[in-house]
Amino acid sequence: MFRSLFFNVGLLAVLIGAGLLYVDVIILNVQEEVVVRQQPQKAETSFRGMFTTVSPDGKKMIVPPIWAPYCLMSAGAVALLYATALPRRSGK
């Protein structure tokens, strides 16, 4: 069971990383309400806010960093190699 779990997680990470190699910006079709504030305030420093921004027309934009595809592909490759190294379930 763990062998197939590690294999599938590794394969998913490799495929998402390979897809991110060809993408510069992901624009979601969800409209966000743009709020204009009188005084500029510090931006919220949350994990999700680190990669997402709101475009001027109100759509959410995800800008993946340069290192994200390589990190996902290498972690996925390690998970795939670990899945192949796990012993098979012994049949009774």
PDB file of N, CA and C in Angstrom:
ATOM      1  N   MET A   1       0.811  -1.184   0.000  1.00  0.00           N
ATOM      2  CA  MET A   1       0.000   0.000   0.000  1.00  0.00           C
ATOM      3  C   MET A   1       0.861   1.256   0.000  1.00  0.00           C
ATOM      4  N   PHE A   2       1.896   1.264   0.841  1.00  0.00           N
ATOM      5  CA  PHE A   2       2.762   2.439   0.890  1.00  0.00           C
ATOM      6  C   PHE A   2       3.560   2.597  -0.394  1.00  0.00           C
ATOM      7  N   ARG A   3       3.854   1.479  -1.019  1.00  0.00           N
ATOM      8  CA  ARG A   3       4.611   1.545  -2.267  1.00  0.00           C
ATOM      9  C   ARG A   3       3.827   2.289  -3.346  1.00  0.00           C
ATOM     10  N   SER A   4       2.566   1.955  -3.500  1.00  0.00           N
ATOM     11  CA  SER A   4       1.751   2.637  -4.509  1.00  0.00           C
ATOM     12  C   SER A   4       1.485   4.087  -4.118  1.00  0.00           C
ATOM     13  N   LEU A   5       1.360   4.369  -2.820  1.00  0.00           N
ATOM     14  CA  LEU A   5       1.151   5.741  -2.366  1.00  0.00           C
ATOM     15  C   LEU A   5       2.358   6.614  -2.706  1.00  0.00           C
ATOM     16  N   PHE A   6       3.557   6.143  -2.383  1.00  0.00           N
ATOM     17  CA  PHE A   6       4.765   6.906  -2.700  1.00  0.00           C
ATOM     18  C   PHE A   6       4.949   7.052  -4.207  1.00  0.00           C
ATOM     19  N   PHE A   7       4.624   5.999  -4.945  1.00  0.00           N
ATOM     20  CA  PHE A   7       4.759   6.077  -6.397  1.00  0.00           C
ATOM     21  C   PHE A   7       3.820   7.127  -6.983  1.00  0.00           C
ATOM     22  N   ASN A   8       2.567   7.146  -6.536  1.00  0.00           N
ATOM     23  CA  ASN A   8       1.597   8.102  -7.072  1.00  0.00           C
ATOM     24  C   ASN A   8       1.908   9.532  -6.658  1.00  0.00           C
ATOM     25  N   VAL A   9       2.323   9.738  -5.418  1.00  0.00           N
ATOM     26  CA  VAL A   9       2.690  11.088  -4.976  1.00  0.00           C
ATOM     27  C   VAL A   9       3.915  11.582  -5.746  1.00  0.00           C
ATOM     28  N   GLY A  10       4.893  10.713  -5.945  1.00  0.00           N
ATOM     29  CA  GLY A  10       6.079  11.089  -6.706  1.00  0.00           C
ATOM     30  C   GLY A  10       5.765  11.394  -8.157  1.00  0.00           C
ATOM     31  N   LEU A  11       4.909  10.584  -8.760  1.00  0.00           N
ATOM     32  CA  LEU A  11       4.526  10.819 -10.150  1.00  0.00           C
ATOM     33  C   LEU A  11       3.754  12.127 -10.293  1.00  0.00           C
ATOM     34  N   LEU A  12       2.862  12.409  -9.350  1.00  0.00           N
ATOM     35  CA  LEU A  12       2.107  13.661  -9.385  1.00  0.00           C
ATOM     36  C   LEU A  12       3.036  14.865  -9.244  1.00  0.00           C
ATOM     37  N   ALA A  13       4.013  14.779  -8.342  1.00  0.00           N
ATOM     38  CA  ALA A  13       4.954  15.889  -8.158  1.00  0.00           C
ATOM     39  C   ALA A  13       5.804  16.101  -9.408  1.00  0.00           C
ATOM     40  N   VAL A  14       6.243  15.036 -10.033  1.00  0.00           N
ATOM     41  CA  VAL A  14       7.043  15.162 -11.260  1.00  0.00           C
ATOM     42  C   VAL A  14       6.211  15.779 -12.381  1.00  0.00           C
ATOM     43  N   LEU A  15       4.965  15.356 -12.524  1.00  0.00           N
ATOM     44  CA  LEU A  15       4.118  15.892 -13.596  1.00  0.00           C
ATOM     45  C   LEU A  15       3.754  17.357 -13.365  1.00  0.00           C
ATOM     46  N   ILE A  16       3.457  17.729 -12.129  1.00  0.00           N
ATOM     47  CA  ILE A  16       3.162  19.139 -11.842  1.00  0.00           C
ATOM     48  C   ILE A  16       4.411  19.990 -12.055  1.00  0.00           C
ATOM     49  N   GLY A  17       5.571  19.502 -11.630  1.00  0.00           N
ATOM     50  CA  GLY A  17       6.816  20.233 -11.845  1.00  0.00           C
ATOM     51  C   GLY A  17       7.137  20.397 -13.316  1.00  0.00           C
ATOM     52  N   ALA A  18       6.911  19.347 -14.100  1.00  0.00           N
ATOM     53  CA  ALA A  18       7.157  19.451 -15.542  1.00  0.00           C
ATOM     54  C   ALA A  18       6.181  20.430 -16.191  1.00  0.00           C
ATOM     55  N   GLY A  19       4.960  20.474 -15.708  1.00  0.00           N
ATOM     56  CA  GLY A  19       3.996  21.434 -16.237  1.00  0.00           C
ATOM     57  C   GLY A  19       4.356  22.863 -15.882  1.00  0.00           C
ATOM     58  N   LEU A  20       4.931  23.067 -14.706  1.00  0.00           N
ATOM     59  CA  LEU A  20       5.322  24.415 -14.294  1.00  0.00           C
ATOM     60  C   LEU A  20       6.540  24.933 -15.056  1.00  0.00           C
ATOM     61  N   LEU A  21       7.267  24.046 -15.721  1.00  0.00           N
ATOM     62  CA  LEU A  21       8.393  24.509 -16.534  1.00  0.00           C
ATOM     63  C   LEU A  21       7.925  25.392 -17.688  1.00  0.00           C
ATOM     64  N   TYR A  22       6.710  25.152 -18.163  1.00  0.00           N
ATOM     65  CA  TYR A  22       6.196  25.865 -19.328  1.00  0.00           C
ATOM     66  C   TYR A  22       5.268  27.023 -18.970  1.00  0.00           C
ATOM     67  N   VAL A  23       5.070  27.289 -17.674  1.00  0.00           N
ATOM     68  CA  VAL A  23       4.104  28.295 -17.237  1.00  0.00           C
ATOM     69  C   VAL A  23       4.838  29.443 -16.557  1.00  0.00           C
ATOM     70  N   ASP A  24       4.506  30.680 -16.939  1.00  0.00           N
ATOM     71  CA  ASP A  24       5.050  31.852 -16.254  1.00  0.00           C
ATOM     72  C   ASP A  24       4.084  32.375 -15.208  1.00  0.00           C
ATOM     73  N   VAL A  25       2.815  32.472 -15.570  1.00  0.00           N
ATOM     74  CA  VAL A  25       1.788  33.005 -14.675  1.00  0.00           C
ATOM     75  C   VAL A  25       0.530  32.160 -14.832  1.00  0.00           C
ATOM     76  N   ILE A  26      -0.115  31.834 -13.722  1.00  0.00           N
ATOM     77  CA  ILE A  26      -1.397  31.146 -13.744  1.00  0.00           C
ATOM     78  C   ILE A  26      -2.448  32.164 -13.325  1.00  0.00           C
ATOM     79  N   ILE A  27      -3.401  32.444 -14.213  1.00  0.00           N
ATOM     80  CA  ILE A  27      -4.459  33.407 -13.914  1.00  0.00           C
ATOM     81  C   ILE A  27      -5.750  32.636 -13.687  1.00  0.00           C
ATOM     82  N   LEU A  28      -6.296  32.763 -12.479  1.00  0.00           N
ATOM     83  CA  LEU A  28      -7.540  32.089 -12.143  1.00  0.00           C
ATOM     84  C   LEU A  28      -8.721  32.936 -12.589  1.00  0.00           C
ATOM     85  N   ASN A  29      -9.805  32.304 -12.912  1.00  0.00           N
ATOM     86  CA  ASN A  29     -10.966  33.001 -13.443  1.00  0.00           C
ATOM     87  C   ASN A  29     -11.878  33.538 -12.338  1.00  0.00           C
ATOM     88  N   VAL A  30     -11.437  33.511 -11.099  1.00  0.00           N
ATOM     89  CA  VAL A  30     -12.228  33.983  -9.968  1.00  0.00           C
ATOM     90  C   VAL A  30     -12.021  35.482  -9.821  1.00  0.00           C
ATOM     91  N   GLN A  31     -13.098  36.215  -9.695  1.00  0.00           N
ATOM     92  CA  GLN A  31     -13.004  37.664  -9.522  1.00  0.00           C
ATOM     93  C   GLN A  31     -12.813  37.985  -8.040  1.00  0.00           C
ATOM     94  N   GLU A  32     -11.814  38.753  -7.726  1.00  0.00           N
ATOM     95  CA  GLU A  32     -11.572  39.237  -6.371  1.00  0.00           C
ATOM     96  C   GLU A  32     -11.987  40.686  -6.302  1.00  0.00           C
ATOM     97  N   GLU A  33     -12.557  41.058  -5.197  1.00  0.00           N
ATOM     98  CA  GLU A  33     -12.953  42.449  -5.022  1.00  0.00           C
ATOM     99  C   GLU A  33     -11.716  43.269  -4.683  1.00  0.00           C
ATOM    100  N   VAL A  34     -11.414  44.254  -5.517  1.00  0.00           N
ATOM    101  CA  VAL A  34     -10.246  45.100  -5.302  1.00  0.00           C
ATOM    102  C   VAL A  34     -10.652  46.220  -4.355  1.00  0.00           C
ATOM    103  N   VAL A  35      -9.970  46.287  -3.218  1.00  0.00           N
ATOM    104  CA  VAL A  35     -10.287  47.286  -2.208  1.00  0.00           C
ATOM    105  C   VAL A  35      -9.229  48.374  -2.267  1.00  0.00           C
ATOM    106  N   VAL A  36      -9.667  49.599  -2.435  1.00  0.00           N
ATOM    107  CA  VAL A  36      -8.749  50.736  -2.462  1.00  0.00           C
ATOM    108  C   VAL A  36      -8.715  51.324  -1.060  1.00  0.00           C
ATOM    109  N   ARG A  37      -7.540  51.385  -0.484  1.00  0.00           N
ATOM    110  CA  ARG A  37      -7.391  51.906   0.870  1.00  0.00           C
ATOM    111  C   ARG A  37      -6.810  53.306   0.811  1.00  0.00           C
ATOM    112  N   GLN A  38      -7.178  54.089   1.789  1.00  0.00           N
ATOM    113  CA  GLN A  38      -6.683  55.460   1.848  1.00  0.00           C
ATOM    114  C   GLN A  38      -5.206  55.484   2.212  1.00  0.00           C
ATOM    115  N   GLN A  39      -4.831  54.726   3.212  1.00  0.00           N
ATOM    116  CA  GLN A  39      -3.443  54.696   3.654  1.00  0.00           C
ATOM    117  C   GLN A  39      -2.844  53.343   3.293  1.00  0.00           C
ATOM    118  N   PRO A  40      -1.644  53.352   2.748  1.00  0.00           N
ATOM    119  CA  PRO A  40      -1.016  52.067   2.427  1.00  0.00           C
ATOM    120  C   PRO A  40      -0.667  51.313   3.706  1.00  0.00           C
ATOM    121  N   GLN A  41      -0.993  50.039   3.716  1.00  0.00           N
ATOM    122  CA  GLN A  41      -0.676  49.193   4.854  1.00  0.00           C
ATOM    123  C   GLN A  41       0.272  48.099   4.401  1.00  0.00           C
ATOM    124  N   LYS A  42       0.923  47.494   5.375  1.00  0.00           N
ATOM    125  CA  LYS A  42       1.830  46.399   5.043  1.00  0.00           C
ATOM    126  C   LYS A  42       1.032  45.217   4.511  1.00  0.00           C
ATOM    127  N   ALA A  43       1.601  44.563   3.546  1.00  0.00           N
ATOM    128  CA  ALA A  43       0.940  43.388   2.975  1.00  0.00           C
ATOM    129  C   ALA A  43       0.986  42.248   3.980  1.00  0.00           C
ATOM    130  N   GLU A  44      -0.046  41.420   3.941  1.00  0.00           N
ATOM    131  CA  GLU A  44      -0.077  40.276   4.832  1.00  0.00           C
ATOM    132  C   GLU A  44       0.992  39.282   4.398  1.00  0.00           C
ATOM    133  N   THR A  45       1.718  38.777   5.356  1.00  0.00           N
ATOM    134  CA  THR A  45       2.785  37.827   5.048  1.00  0.00           C
ATOM    135  C   THR A  45       2.315  36.432   5.423  1.00  0.00           C
ATOM    136  N   SER A  46       1.447  35.880   4.633  1.00  0.00           N
ATOM    137  CA  SER A  46       1.011  34.510   4.830  1.00  0.00           C
ATOM    138  C   SER A  46       1.640  33.647   3.744  1.00  0.00           C
ATOM    139  N   PHE A  47       1.544  32.347   3.920  1.00  0.00           N
ATOM    140  CA  PHE A  47       2.164  31.445   2.953  1.00  0.00           C
ATOM    141  C   PHE A  47       1.474  31.534   1.598  1.00  0.00           C
ATOM    142  N   ARG A  48       0.141  31.593   1.591  1.00  0.00           N
ATOM    143  CA  ARG A  48      -0.568  31.674   0.319  1.00  0.00           C
ATOM    144  C   ARG A  48      -0.365  33.020  -0.351  1.00  0.00           C
ATOM    145  N   GLY A  49      -0.177  34.078   0.431  1.00  0.00           N
ATOM    146  CA  GLY A  49       0.026  35.397  -0.140  1.00  0.00           C
ATOM    147  C   GLY A  49       1.398  35.577  -0.755  1.00  0.00           C
ATOM    148  N   MET A  50       2.290  34.622  -0.510  1.00  0.00           N
ATOM    149  CA  MET A  50       3.646  34.741  -1.024  1.00  0.00           C
ATOM    150  C   MET A  50       3.684  34.545  -2.542  1.00  0.00           C
ATOM    151  N   PHE A  51       2.814  33.708  -3.087  1.00  0.00           N
ATOM    152  CA  PHE A  51       2.840  33.403  -4.512  1.00  0.00           C
ATOM    153  C   PHE A  51       1.649  33.973  -5.273  1.00  0.00           C
ATOM    154  N   THR A  52       0.638  34.479  -4.565  1.00  0.00           N
ATOM    155  CA  THR A  52      -0.555  34.966  -5.246  1.00  0.00           C
ATOM    156  C   THR A  52      -0.630  36.479  -5.185  1.00  0.00           C
ATOM    157  N   THR A  53      -1.109  37.065  -6.260  1.00  0.00           N
ATOM    158  CA  THR A  53      -1.362  38.495  -6.325  1.00  0.00           C
ATOM    159  C   THR A  53      -2.714  38.699  -6.998  1.00  0.00           C
ATOM    160  N   VAL A  54      -3.199  39.912  -6.960  1.00  0.00           N
ATOM    161  CA  VAL A  54      -4.458  40.241  -7.621  1.00  0.00           C
ATOM    162  C   VAL A  54      -4.143  41.204  -8.751  1.00  0.00           C
ATOM    163  N   SER A  55      -4.581  40.861  -9.955  1.00  0.00           N
ATOM    164  CA  SER A  55      -4.335  41.720 -11.114  1.00  0.00           C
ATOM    165  C   SER A  55      -5.251  42.943 -11.042  1.00  0.00           C
ATOM    166  N   PRO A  56      -4.961  43.983 -11.839  1.00  0.00           N
ATOM    167  CA  PRO A  56      -5.800  45.191 -11.807  1.00  0.00           C
ATOM    168  C   PRO A  56      -7.266  44.943 -12.165  1.00  0.00           C
ATOM    169  N   ASP A  57      -7.542  43.919 -12.971  1.00  0.00           N
ATOM    170  CA  ASP A  57      -8.943  43.650 -13.301  1.00  0.00           C
ATOM    171  C   ASP A  57      -9.619  42.733 -12.289  1.00  0.00           C
ATOM    172  N   GLY A  58      -8.935  42.378 -11.206  1.00  0.00           N
ATOM    173  CA  GLY A  58      -9.545  41.637 -10.109  1.00  0.00           C
ATOM    174  C   GLY A  58      -9.370  40.137 -10.150  1.00  0.00           C
ATOM    175  N   LYS A  59      -8.618  39.602 -11.090  1.00  0.00           N
ATOM    176  CA  LYS A  59      -8.418  38.156 -11.166  1.00  0.00           C
ATOM    177  C   LYS A  59      -7.193  37.764 -10.345  1.00  0.00           C
ATOM    178  N   LYS A  60      -7.268  36.579  -9.734  1.00  0.00           N
ATOM    179  CA  LYS A  60      -6.140  36.086  -8.951  1.00  0.00           C
ATOM    180  C   LYS A  60      -5.055  35.565  -9.880  1.00  0.00           C
ATOM    181  N   MET A  61      -3.816  35.918  -9.572  1.00  0.00           N
ATOM    182  CA  MET A  61      -2.670  35.459 -10.354  1.00  0.00           C
ATOM    183  C   MET A  61      -1.737  34.683  -9.440  1.00  0.00           C
ATOM    184  N   ILE A  62      -1.303  33.526  -9.888  1.00  0.00           N
ATOM    185  CA  ILE A  62      -0.311  32.735  -9.170  1.00  0.00           C
ATOM    186  C   ILE A  62       0.965  32.785  -9.991  1.00  0.00           C
ATOM    187  N   VAL A  63       2.028  33.307  -9.387  1.00  0.00           N
ATOM    188  CA  VAL A  63       3.316  33.414 -10.069  1.00  0.00           C
ATOM    189  C   VAL A  63       4.275  32.438  -9.388  1.00  0.00           C
ATOM    190  N   PRO A  64       4.494  31.261  -9.990  1.00  0.00           N
ATOM    191  CA  PRO A  64       5.399  30.306  -9.356  1.00  0.00           C
ATOM    192  C   PRO A  64       6.848  30.779  -9.464  1.00  0.00           C
ATOM    193  N   PRO A  65       7.628  30.612  -8.403  1.00  0.00           N
ATOM    194  CA  PRO A  65       9.030  31.017  -8.478  1.00  0.00           C
ATOM    195  C   PRO A  65       9.814  30.126  -9.440  1.00  0.00           C
ATOM    196  N   ILE A  66      10.986  30.596  -9.817  1.00  0.00           N
ATOM    197  CA  ILE A  66      11.828  29.878 -10.790  1.00  0.00           C
ATOM    198  C   ILE A  66      12.207  28.485 -10.274  1.00  0.00           C
ATOM    199  N   TRP A  67      12.425  28.356  -8.977  1.00  0.00           N
ATOM    200  CA  TRP A  67      12.914  27.103  -8.413  1.00  0.00           C
ATOM    201  C   TRP A  67      11.816  26.074  -8.195  1.00  0.00           C
ATOM    202  N   ALA A  68      10.555  26.429  -8.287  1.00  0.00           N
ATOM    203  CA  ALA A  68       9.457  25.514  -7.961  1.00  0.00           C
ATOM    204  C   ALA A  68       9.408  24.267  -8.854  1.00  0.00           C
ATOM    205  N   PRO A  69       9.531  24.383 -10.187  1.00  0.00           N
ATOM    206  CA  PRO A  69       9.467  23.164 -10.999  1.00  0.00           C
ATOM    207  C   PRO A  69      10.604  22.192 -10.705  1.00  0.00           C
ATOM    208  N   TYR A  70      11.792  22.719 -10.516  1.00  0.00           N
ATOM    209  CA  TYR A  70      12.944  21.856 -10.254  1.00  0.00           C
ATOM    210  C   TYR A  70      12.827  21.182  -8.891  1.00  0.00           C
ATOM    211  N   CYS A  71      12.318  21.907  -7.916  1.00  0.00           N
ATOM    212  CA  CYS A  71      12.129  21.345  -6.581  1.00  0.00           C
ATOM    213  C   CYS A  71      11.076  20.238  -6.607  1.00  0.00           C
ATOM    214  N   LEU A  72       9.965  20.478  -7.292  1.00  0.00           N
ATOM    215  CA  LEU A  72       8.914  19.466  -7.381  1.00  0.00           C
ATOM    216  C   LEU A  72       9.382  18.229  -8.141  1.00  0.00           C
ATOM    217  N   MET A  73      10.100  18.442  -9.243  1.00  0.00           N
ATOM    218  CA  MET A  73      10.561  17.292 -10.022  1.00  0.00           C
ATOM    219  C   MET A  73      11.599  16.479  -9.265  1.00  0.00           C
ATOM    220  N   SER A  74      12.495  17.135  -8.535  1.00  0.00           N
ATOM    221  CA  SER A  74      13.515  16.383  -7.802  1.00  0.00           C
ATOM    222  C   SER A  74      12.909  15.648  -6.609  1.00  0.00           C
ATOM    223  N   ALA A  75      11.985  16.277  -5.891  1.00  0.00           N
ATOM    224  CA  ALA A  75      11.332  15.591  -4.771  1.00  0.00           C
ATOM    225  C   ALA A  75      10.475  14.434  -5.279  1.00  0.00           C
ATOM    226  N   GLY A  76       9.815  14.622  -6.408  1.00  0.00           N
ATOM    227  CA  GLY A  76       9.030  13.543  -6.992  1.00  0.00           C
ATOM    228  C   GLY A  76       9.896  12.388  -7.464  1.00  0.00           C
ATOM    229  N   ALA A  77      11.059  12.707  -8.014  1.00  0.00           N
ATOM    230  CA  ALA A  77      11.972  11.649  -8.457  1.00  0.00           C
ATOM    231  C   ALA A  77      12.494  10.849  -7.269  1.00  0.00           C
ATOM    232  N   VAL A  78      12.777  11.526  -6.167  1.00  0.00           N
ATOM    233  CA  VAL A  78      13.227  10.820  -4.961  1.00  0.00           C
ATOM    234  C   VAL A  78      12.116   9.915  -4.438  1.00  0.00           C
ATOM    235  N   ALA A  79      10.874  10.388  -4.452  1.00  0.00           N
ATOM    236  CA  ALA A  79       9.749   9.560  -4.005  1.00  0.00           C
ATOM    237  C   ALA A  79       9.547   8.366  -4.932  1.00  0.00           C
ATOM    238  N   LEU A  80       9.723   8.564  -6.239  1.00  0.00           N
ATOM    239  CA  LEU A  80       9.609   7.441  -7.177  1.00  0.00           C
ATOM    240  C   LEU A  80      10.706   6.409  -6.950  1.00  0.00           C
ATOM    241  N   LEU A  81      11.924   6.874  -6.727  1.00  0.00           N
ATOM    242  CA  LEU A  81      13.020   5.939  -6.459  1.00  0.00           C
ATOM    243  C   LEU A  81      12.805   5.193  -5.149  1.00  0.00           C
ATOM    244  N   TYR A  82      12.271   5.893  -4.139  1.00  0.00           N
ATOM    245  CA  TYR A  82      11.989   5.243  -2.862  1.00  0.00           C
ATOM    246  C   TYR A  82      10.886   4.203  -3.030  1.00  0.00           C
ATOM    247  N   ALA A  83       9.897   4.502  -3.866  1.00  0.00           N
ATOM    248  CA  ALA A  83       8.805   3.553  -4.084  1.00  0.00           C
ATOM    249  C   ALA A  83       9.300   2.290  -4.772  1.00  0.00           C
ATOM    250  N   THR A  84      10.253   2.429  -5.671  1.00  0.00           N
ATOM    251  CA  THR A  84      10.769   1.231  -6.336  1.00  0.00           C
ATOM    252  C   THR A  84      11.709   0.443  -5.427  1.00  0.00           C
ATOM    253  N   ALA A  85      12.291   1.098  -4.427  1.00  0.00           N
ATOM    254  CA  ALA A  85      13.194   0.405  -3.515  1.00  0.00           C
ATOM    255  C   ALA A  85      12.452  -0.295  -2.380  1.00  0.00           C
ATOM    256  N   LEU A  86      11.201   0.064  -2.131  1.00  0.00           N
ATOM    257  CA  LEU A  86      10.433  -0.594  -1.074  1.00  0.00           C
ATOM    258  C   LEU A  86      10.189  -2.054  -1.443  1.00  0.00           C
ATOM    259  N   PRO A  87      10.220  -2.945  -0.453  1.00  0.00           N
ATOM    260  CA  PRO A  87       9.968  -4.358  -0.769  1.00  0.00           C
ATOM    261  C   PRO A  87       8.502  -4.582  -1.128  1.00  0.00           C
ATOM    262  N   ARG A  88       8.285  -5.547  -2.007  1.00  0.00           N
ATOM    263  CA  ARG A  88       6.913  -5.881  -2.400  1.00  0.00           C
ATOM    264  C   ARG A  88       6.230  -6.635  -1.266  1.00  0.00           C
ATOM    265  N   ARG A  89       4.915  -6.565  -1.271  1.00  0.00           N
ATOM    266  CA  ARG A  89       4.147  -7.275  -0.256  1.00  0.00           C
ATOM    267  C   ARG A  89       4.267  -8.775  -0.514  1.00  0.00           C
ATOM    268  N   SER A  90       4.551  -9.517   0.533  1.00  0.00           N
ATOM    269  CA  SER A  90       4.704 -10.965   0.361  1.00  0.00           C
ATOM    270  C   SER A  90       3.326 -11.616   0.300  1.00  0.00           C
ATOM    271  N   GLY A  91       3.116 -12.445  -0.704  1.00  0.00           N
ATOM    272  CA  GLY A  91       1.827 -13.120  -0.874  1.00  0.00           C
ATOM    273  C   GLY A  91       1.722 -14.329   0.032  1.00  0.00           C
ATOM    274  N   LYS A  92       0.540 -14.542   0.587  1.00  0.00           N
ATOM    275  CA  LYS A  92       0.348 -15.692   1.488  1.00  0.00           C
ATOM    276  C   LYS A  92      -0.276 -16.846   0.763  1.00  0.00           C
TER     277      LYS A  92
END
